[in-house]
Amino acid sequence: MNWGKVFLGGIVGGIVIWLVDFVLHGMVMADTYMRFPEVFSQEADPMNMWWFLLVEVCIATAAAMLFVKTRASWGSGISAGLTFGFFLGLVGAFPNFFPPLTIEGFPYFLAWCWSGMTMIVSLVLGAVLSLIVKS
């Protein structure tokens, strides 16, 4: 395994998906979250954004390890990364259906929104990894 590519993919991919998640959750979905104060009532903490970045880098590093180990099976080019991202997104999307079952007041439609956003983030991460880890 090329650890240099794994860590580079993890860091770059983590930063990119952190930014994509900020746009999706912090801008696109912000008004929706404001409509549900009983579910999303926490005060903003400036340190949270750095924790989110750390978590995104960890997620991207784990995905990069998986991508590097399976790189040959995805083909070449960005389409390979998108294919990997699609399957990664499927794995990540389904757990989004737990919050409506476990959090009182969590609207069911947000599970679909979060699943869609998970798929977008996974596709972007796959594309980034395909550019860093060439076949």
N, C-alpha and C. Protein backbone atom coordinates (compact mmCIF):
# COMPACT_ATOMS: atom_id res chain seq x y z
N MET A 1 0.84 -1.17 0.00
CA MET A 1 0.00 0.00 0.00
C MET A 1 0.89 1.24 0.00
N ASN A 2 0.57 2.18 -0.84
CA ASN A 2 1.32 3.43 -0.93
C ASN A 2 0.78 4.39 0.14
N TRP A 3 1.45 4.41 1.30
CA TRP A 3 0.97 5.21 2.43
C TRP A 3 0.99 6.70 2.14
N GLY A 4 1.92 7.14 1.30
CA GLY A 4 1.96 8.55 0.93
C GLY A 4 0.68 8.97 0.21
N LYS A 5 0.24 8.12 -0.74
CA LYS A 5 -1.00 8.40 -1.46
C LYS A 5 -2.22 8.31 -0.53
N VAL A 6 -2.18 7.36 0.40
CA VAL A 6 -3.29 7.22 1.34
C VAL A 6 -3.43 8.48 2.18
N PHE A 7 -2.33 8.95 2.77
CA PHE A 7 -2.41 10.13 3.63
C PHE A 7 -2.69 11.40 2.84
N LEU A 8 -2.11 11.51 1.65
CA LEU A 8 -2.41 12.67 0.81
C LEU A 8 -3.89 12.66 0.43
N GLY A 9 -4.40 11.50 0.03
CA GLY A 9 -5.82 11.38 -0.30
C GLY A 9 -6.70 11.67 0.90
N GLY A 10 -6.29 11.20 2.08
CA GLY A 10 -7.05 11.45 3.29
C GLY A 10 -7.11 12.92 3.65
N ILE A 11 -5.98 13.59 3.54
CA ILE A 11 -5.94 15.01 3.91
C ILE A 11 -6.68 15.86 2.87
N VAL A 12 -6.34 15.68 1.60
CA VAL A 12 -7.00 16.48 0.55
C VAL A 12 -8.48 16.14 0.48
N GLY A 13 -8.79 14.84 0.47
CA GLY A 13 -10.20 14.42 0.42
C GLY A 13 -10.97 14.91 1.63
N GLY A 14 -10.35 14.86 2.81
CA GLY A 14 -11.01 15.34 4.02
C GLY A 14 -11.33 16.82 3.97
N ILE A 15 -10.39 17.60 3.49
CA ILE A 15 -10.62 19.04 3.37
C ILE A 15 -11.73 19.32 2.35
N VAL A 16 -11.69 18.63 1.23
CA VAL A 16 -12.71 18.86 0.19
C VAL A 16 -14.10 18.48 0.70
N ILE A 17 -14.24 17.32 1.34
CA ILE A 17 -15.58 16.93 1.79
C ILE A 17 -16.03 17.78 2.98
N TRP A 18 -15.09 18.30 3.76
CA TRP A 18 -15.42 19.24 4.83
C TRP A 18 -16.06 20.49 4.23
N LEU A 19 -15.48 20.99 3.16
CA LEU A 19 -16.03 22.16 2.49
C LEU A 19 -17.39 21.86 1.84
N VAL A 20 -17.50 20.70 1.20
CA VAL A 20 -18.77 20.30 0.58
C VAL A 20 -19.85 20.15 1.65
N ASP A 21 -19.50 19.51 2.76
CA ASP A 21 -20.47 19.36 3.86
C ASP A 21 -20.87 20.71 4.43
N PHE A 22 -19.94 21.64 4.51
CA PHE A 22 -20.28 22.97 5.00
C PHE A 22 -21.30 23.64 4.08
N VAL A 23 -21.07 23.53 2.78
CA VAL A 23 -22.02 24.13 1.82
C VAL A 23 -23.39 23.45 1.94
N LEU A 24 -23.39 22.12 1.97
CA LEU A 24 -24.66 21.39 2.01
C LEU A 24 -25.41 21.60 3.32
N HIS A 25 -24.72 21.40 4.45
CA HIS A 25 -25.40 21.51 5.74
C HIS A 25 -25.47 22.94 6.26
N GLY A 26 -24.40 23.69 6.08
CA GLY A 26 -24.34 25.04 6.63
C GLY A 26 -25.04 26.10 5.81
N MET A 27 -25.21 25.85 4.53
CA MET A 27 -25.83 26.86 3.67
C MET A 27 -27.14 26.36 3.06
N VAL A 28 -27.07 25.24 2.35
CA VAL A 28 -28.27 24.74 1.66
C VAL A 28 -29.35 24.32 2.65
N MET A 29 -28.97 23.61 3.70
CA MET A 29 -29.95 23.06 4.64
C MET A 29 -30.17 23.92 5.88
N ALA A 30 -29.48 25.04 6.01
CA ALA A 30 -29.55 25.85 7.23
C ALA A 30 -30.97 26.26 7.59
N ASP A 31 -31.74 26.74 6.62
CA ASP A 31 -33.12 27.16 6.91
C ASP A 31 -33.98 25.98 7.33
N THR A 32 -33.76 24.83 6.74
CA THR A 32 -34.51 23.64 7.12
C THR A 32 -34.22 23.27 8.57
N TYR A 33 -32.95 23.30 8.96
CA TYR A 33 -32.59 22.97 10.34
C TYR A 33 -33.20 23.97 11.33
N MET A 34 -33.29 25.22 10.93
CA MET A 34 -33.87 26.26 11.80
C MET A 34 -35.36 26.00 12.06
N ARG A 35 -36.03 25.30 11.17
CA ARG A 35 -37.45 25.00 11.35
C ARG A 35 -37.70 23.92 12.39
N PHE A 36 -36.65 23.26 12.84
CA PHE A 36 -36.79 22.17 13.81
C PHE A 36 -35.93 22.43 15.05
N PRO A 37 -36.24 23.50 15.81
CA PRO A 37 -35.42 23.82 16.98
C PRO A 37 -35.46 22.75 18.06
N GLU A 38 -36.52 21.94 18.08
CA GLU A 38 -36.60 20.87 19.09
C GLU A 38 -35.60 19.75 18.81
N VAL A 39 -35.13 19.66 17.57
CA VAL A 39 -34.15 18.64 17.20
C VAL A 39 -32.75 19.24 17.11
N PHE A 40 -32.65 20.40 16.48
CA PHE A 40 -31.35 21.06 16.25
C PHE A 40 -31.28 22.33 17.09
N SER A 41 -31.05 22.18 18.38
CA SER A 41 -31.11 23.33 19.28
C SER A 41 -29.78 23.68 19.92
N GLN A 42 -28.72 23.07 19.51
CA GLN A 42 -27.43 23.33 20.13
C GLN A 42 -26.89 24.70 19.70
N GLU A 43 -26.19 25.33 20.60
CA GLU A 43 -25.52 26.59 20.30
C GLU A 43 -24.27 26.29 19.48
N ALA A 44 -23.98 27.18 18.56
CA ALA A 44 -22.79 27.01 17.72
C ALA A 44 -21.53 27.18 18.57
N ASP A 45 -20.57 26.31 18.37
CA ASP A 45 -19.29 26.37 19.05
C ASP A 45 -18.21 26.48 17.99
N PRO A 46 -17.42 27.55 18.01
CA PRO A 46 -16.39 27.72 16.96
C PRO A 46 -15.41 26.55 16.88
N MET A 47 -15.20 25.83 17.97
CA MET A 47 -14.28 24.68 17.94
C MET A 47 -14.86 23.52 17.16
N ASN A 48 -16.19 23.46 17.03
CA ASN A 48 -16.80 22.34 16.32
C ASN A 48 -16.31 22.21 14.90
N MET A 49 -16.09 23.35 14.22
CA MET A 49 -15.67 23.25 12.83
C MET A 49 -14.33 22.53 12.69
N TRP A 50 -13.44 22.67 13.67
CA TRP A 50 -12.15 21.98 13.60
C TRP A 50 -12.31 20.50 13.92
N TRP A 51 -13.25 20.16 14.82
CA TRP A 51 -13.53 18.76 15.09
C TRP A 51 -14.14 18.12 13.85
N PHE A 52 -15.04 18.84 13.17
CA PHE A 52 -15.62 18.32 11.94
C PHE A 52 -14.53 18.05 10.90
N LEU A 53 -13.57 18.96 10.79
CA LEU A 53 -12.47 18.76 9.84
C LEU A 53 -11.68 17.50 10.20
N LEU A 54 -11.37 17.33 11.48
CA LEU A 54 -10.61 16.15 11.90
C LEU A 54 -11.38 14.87 11.57
N VAL A 55 -12.67 14.86 11.84
CA VAL A 55 -13.48 13.67 11.54
C VAL A 55 -13.52 13.42 10.04
N GLU A 56 -13.68 14.47 9.24
CA GLU A 56 -13.72 14.32 7.78
C GLU A 56 -12.39 13.77 7.25
N VAL A 57 -11.28 14.22 7.81
CA VAL A 57 -9.97 13.70 7.38
C VAL A 57 -9.84 12.23 7.77
N CYS A 58 -10.33 11.84 8.93
CA CYS A 58 -10.30 10.43 9.34
C CYS A 58 -11.16 9.57 8.41
N ILE A 59 -12.36 10.07 8.09
CA ILE A 59 -13.24 9.34 7.17
C ILE A 59 -12.58 9.21 5.80
N ALA A 60 -12.03 10.30 5.30
CA ALA A 60 -11.39 10.28 3.99
C ALA A 60 -10.16 9.39 3.97
N THR A 61 -9.42 9.34 5.08
CA THR A 61 -8.24 8.47 5.15
C THR A 61 -8.65 7.01 5.11
N ALA A 62 -9.71 6.66 5.85
CA ALA A 62 -10.21 5.28 5.80
C ALA A 62 -10.69 4.94 4.39
N ALA A 63 -11.40 5.87 3.75
CA ALA A 63 -11.85 5.64 2.37
C ALA A 63 -10.66 5.52 1.43
N ALA A 64 -9.64 6.33 1.64
CA ALA A 64 -8.45 6.27 0.80
C ALA A 64 -7.75 4.91 0.93
N MET A 65 -7.69 4.38 2.15
CA MET A 65 -7.10 3.05 2.34
C MET A 65 -7.87 2.00 1.55
N LEU A 66 -9.19 2.06 1.64
CA LEU A 66 -10.02 1.12 0.91
C LEU A 66 -9.86 1.31 -0.60
N PHE A 67 -9.81 2.56 -1.04
CA PHE A 67 -9.66 2.84 -2.47
C PHE A 67 -8.32 2.33 -2.99
N VAL A 68 -7.25 2.58 -2.22
CA VAL A 68 -5.91 2.13 -2.65
C VAL A 68 -5.86 0.61 -2.72
N LYS A 69 -6.45 -0.06 -1.74
CA LYS A 69 -6.43 -1.54 -1.73
C LYS A 69 -7.25 -2.14 -2.87
N THR A 70 -8.27 -1.43 -3.34
CA THR A 70 -9.16 -1.96 -4.37
C THR A 70 -9.04 -1.19 -5.69
N ARG A 71 -8.03 -0.36 -5.82
CA ARG A 71 -7.90 0.55 -6.96
C ARG A 71 -8.00 -0.15 -8.31
N ALA A 72 -7.39 -1.28 -8.45
CA ALA A 72 -7.37 -1.98 -9.74
C ALA A 72 -8.77 -2.41 -10.18
N SER A 73 -9.66 -2.64 -9.26
CA SER A 73 -10.99 -3.13 -9.64
C SER A 73 -11.93 -2.02 -10.10
N TRP A 74 -11.56 -0.75 -9.94
CA TRP A 74 -12.46 0.36 -10.30
C TRP A 74 -12.20 0.91 -11.69
N GLY A 75 -11.11 0.53 -12.32
CA GLY A 75 -10.79 1.07 -13.64
C GLY A 75 -9.90 2.29 -13.50
N SER A 76 -10.00 3.18 -14.47
CA SER A 76 -9.13 4.36 -14.44
C SER A 76 -9.96 5.62 -14.63
N GLY A 77 -9.34 6.73 -14.28
CA GLY A 77 -9.98 8.03 -14.47
C GLY A 77 -10.99 8.38 -13.39
N ILE A 78 -11.63 9.51 -13.58
CA ILE A 78 -12.61 10.00 -12.61
C ILE A 78 -13.81 9.07 -12.52
N SER A 79 -14.17 8.43 -13.62
CA SER A 79 -15.32 7.52 -13.57
C SER A 79 -15.07 6.39 -12.57
N ALA A 80 -13.82 5.97 -12.41
CA ALA A 80 -13.49 4.94 -11.42
C ALA A 80 -13.75 5.48 -10.01
N GLY A 81 -13.34 6.71 -9.78
CA GLY A 81 -13.57 7.33 -8.47
C GLY A 81 -15.05 7.53 -8.20
N LEU A 82 -15.80 7.89 -9.23
CA LEU A 82 -17.24 8.06 -9.05
C LEU A 82 -17.93 6.73 -8.76
N THR A 83 -17.47 5.67 -9.40
CA THR A 83 -18.02 4.35 -9.12
C THR A 83 -17.73 3.95 -7.68
N PHE A 84 -16.49 4.13 -7.26
CA PHE A 84 -16.12 3.86 -5.87
C PHE A 84 -16.96 4.73 -4.93
N GLY A 85 -17.08 6.01 -5.24
CA GLY A 85 -17.86 6.92 -4.41
C GLY A 85 -19.32 6.53 -4.32
N PHE A 86 -19.87 6.01 -5.41
CA PHE A 86 -21.26 5.57 -5.40
C PHE A 86 -21.47 4.43 -4.39
N PHE A 87 -20.60 3.43 -4.45
CA PHE A 87 -20.73 2.30 -3.52
C PHE A 87 -20.44 2.72 -2.09
N LEU A 88 -19.47 3.60 -1.91
CA LEU A 88 -19.19 4.14 -0.58
C LEU A 88 -20.40 4.92 -0.07
N GLY A 89 -21.03 5.67 -0.97
CA GLY A 89 -22.23 6.44 -0.61
C GLY A 89 -23.39 5.56 -0.22
N LEU A 90 -23.54 4.41 -0.89
CA LEU A 90 -24.61 3.48 -0.51
C LEU A 90 -24.41 2.99 0.92
N VAL A 91 -23.18 2.66 1.25
CA VAL A 91 -22.89 2.19 2.61
C VAL A 91 -23.15 3.30 3.62
N GLY A 92 -22.80 4.52 3.27
CA GLY A 92 -22.98 5.64 4.20
C GLY A 92 -24.38 6.19 4.26
N ALA A 93 -25.18 5.97 3.22
CA ALA A 93 -26.51 6.59 3.16
C ALA A 93 -27.53 5.90 4.06
N PHE A 94 -27.52 4.60 4.12
CA PHE A 94 -28.56 3.89 4.85
C PHE A 94 -28.60 4.17 6.36
N PRO A 95 -27.46 4.38 7.03
CA PRO A 95 -27.55 4.72 8.46
C PRO A 95 -28.28 6.04 8.74
N ASN A 96 -28.46 6.87 7.72
CA ASN A 96 -29.18 8.12 7.91
C ASN A 96 -30.66 7.90 8.23
N PHE A 97 -31.13 6.69 8.07
CA PHE A 97 -32.53 6.40 8.37
C PHE A 97 -32.75 6.01 9.84
N PHE A 98 -31.68 5.96 10.64
CA PHE A 98 -31.84 5.70 12.06
C PHE A 98 -32.36 6.91 12.85
N PRO A 99 -31.89 8.15 12.57
CA PRO A 99 -32.36 9.29 13.38
C PRO A 99 -33.88 9.43 13.48
N PRO A 100 -34.66 9.26 12.39
CA PRO A 100 -36.11 9.37 12.57
C PRO A 100 -36.68 8.31 13.51
N LEU A 101 -35.98 7.19 13.64
CA LEU A 101 -36.44 6.12 14.51
C LEU A 101 -36.02 6.32 15.95
N THR A 102 -34.98 7.12 16.18
CA THR A 102 -34.41 7.23 17.53
C THR A 102 -34.45 8.62 18.13
N ILE A 103 -34.65 9.65 17.33
CA ILE A 103 -34.65 11.03 17.83
C ILE A 103 -36.06 11.59 17.70
N GLU A 104 -36.64 11.93 18.81
CA GLU A 104 -38.01 12.47 18.79
C GLU A 104 -38.03 13.79 18.03
N GLY A 105 -38.97 13.89 17.10
CA GLY A 105 -39.13 15.11 16.32
C GLY A 105 -38.27 15.19 15.07
N PHE A 106 -37.42 14.19 14.85
CA PHE A 106 -36.56 14.20 13.66
C PHE A 106 -37.42 13.85 12.45
N PRO A 107 -37.55 14.76 11.49
CA PRO A 107 -38.44 14.51 10.35
C PRO A 107 -37.87 13.46 9.40
N TYR A 108 -38.75 12.60 8.93
CA TYR A 108 -38.34 11.49 8.06
C TYR A 108 -37.72 11.99 6.75
N PHE A 109 -38.24 13.09 6.21
CA PHE A 109 -37.70 13.57 4.94
C PHE A 109 -36.24 13.97 5.05
N LEU A 110 -35.78 14.34 6.27
CA LEU A 110 -34.37 14.69 6.43
C LEU A 110 -33.47 13.47 6.26
N ALA A 111 -33.99 12.28 6.54
CA ALA A 111 -33.21 11.07 6.30
C ALA A 111 -32.90 10.95 4.81
N TRP A 112 -33.88 11.27 3.98
CA TRP A 112 -33.65 11.25 2.53
C TRP A 112 -32.68 12.35 2.12
N CYS A 113 -32.84 13.53 2.71
CA CYS A 113 -31.93 14.64 2.40
C CYS A 113 -30.50 14.27 2.79
N TRP A 114 -30.33 13.75 4.00
CA TRP A 114 -29.00 13.37 4.46
C TRP A 114 -28.42 12.25 3.62
N SER A 115 -29.25 11.32 3.19
CA SER A 115 -28.76 10.23 2.34
C SER A 115 -28.28 10.78 0.99
N GLY A 116 -29.04 11.70 0.44
CA GLY A 116 -28.62 12.34 -0.81
C GLY A 116 -27.33 13.11 -0.65
N MET A 117 -27.21 13.84 0.47
CA MET A 117 -25.98 14.60 0.70
C MET A 117 -24.79 13.67 0.95
N THR A 118 -25.04 12.55 1.62
CA THR A 118 -23.99 11.54 1.81
C THR A 118 -23.51 11.02 0.46
N MET A 119 -24.44 10.78 -0.44
CA MET A 119 -24.07 10.29 -1.77
C MET A 119 -23.25 11.35 -2.51
N ILE A 120 -23.66 12.61 -2.44
CA ILE A 120 -22.90 13.69 -3.10
C ILE A 120 -21.48 13.75 -2.55
N VAL A 121 -21.35 13.75 -1.23
CA VAL A 121 -20.03 13.82 -0.59
C VAL A 121 -19.18 12.62 -0.98
N SER A 122 -19.77 11.44 -1.01
CA SER A 122 -19.03 10.23 -1.37
C SER A 122 -18.57 10.26 -2.83
N LEU A 123 -19.42 10.76 -3.71
CA LEU A 123 -19.02 10.88 -5.12
C LEU A 123 -17.87 11.88 -5.27
N VAL A 124 -17.95 12.99 -4.57
CA VAL A 124 -16.87 13.98 -4.62
C VAL A 124 -15.57 13.38 -4.07
N LEU A 125 -15.67 12.68 -2.94
CA LEU A 125 -14.49 12.05 -2.36
C LEU A 125 -13.90 11.03 -3.32
N GLY A 126 -14.73 10.21 -3.94
CA GLY A 126 -14.23 9.24 -4.91
C GLY A 126 -13.51 9.91 -6.07
N ALA A 127 -14.08 11.01 -6.56
CA ALA A 127 -13.44 11.74 -7.66
C ALA A 127 -12.07 12.29 -7.23
N VAL A 128 -12.01 12.86 -6.04
CA VAL A 128 -10.74 13.39 -5.52
C VAL A 128 -9.72 12.28 -5.38
N LEU A 129 -10.13 11.16 -4.80
CA LEU A 129 -9.20 10.04 -4.64
C LEU A 129 -8.70 9.51 -5.97
N SER A 130 -9.57 9.49 -6.99
CA SER A 130 -9.15 8.99 -8.30
C SER A 130 -8.10 9.90 -8.94
N LEU A 131 -8.14 11.19 -8.59
CA LEU A 131 -7.15 12.12 -9.12
C LEU A 131 -5.80 12.00 -8.40
N ILE A 132 -5.85 11.57 -7.14
CA ILE A 132 -4.62 11.44 -6.35
C ILE A 132 -3.98 10.08 -6.51
N VAL A 133 -4.81 9.04 -6.52
CA VAL A 133 -4.31 7.66 -6.63
C VAL A 133 -4.57 7.18 -8.05
N LYS A 134 -3.60 7.35 -8.89
CA LYS A 134 -3.74 6.94 -10.30
C LYS A 134 -3.60 5.43 -10.42
N SER A 135 -4.27 4.88 -11.45
CA SER A 135 -4.19 3.42 -11.63
C SER A 135 -2.87 3.03 -12.26
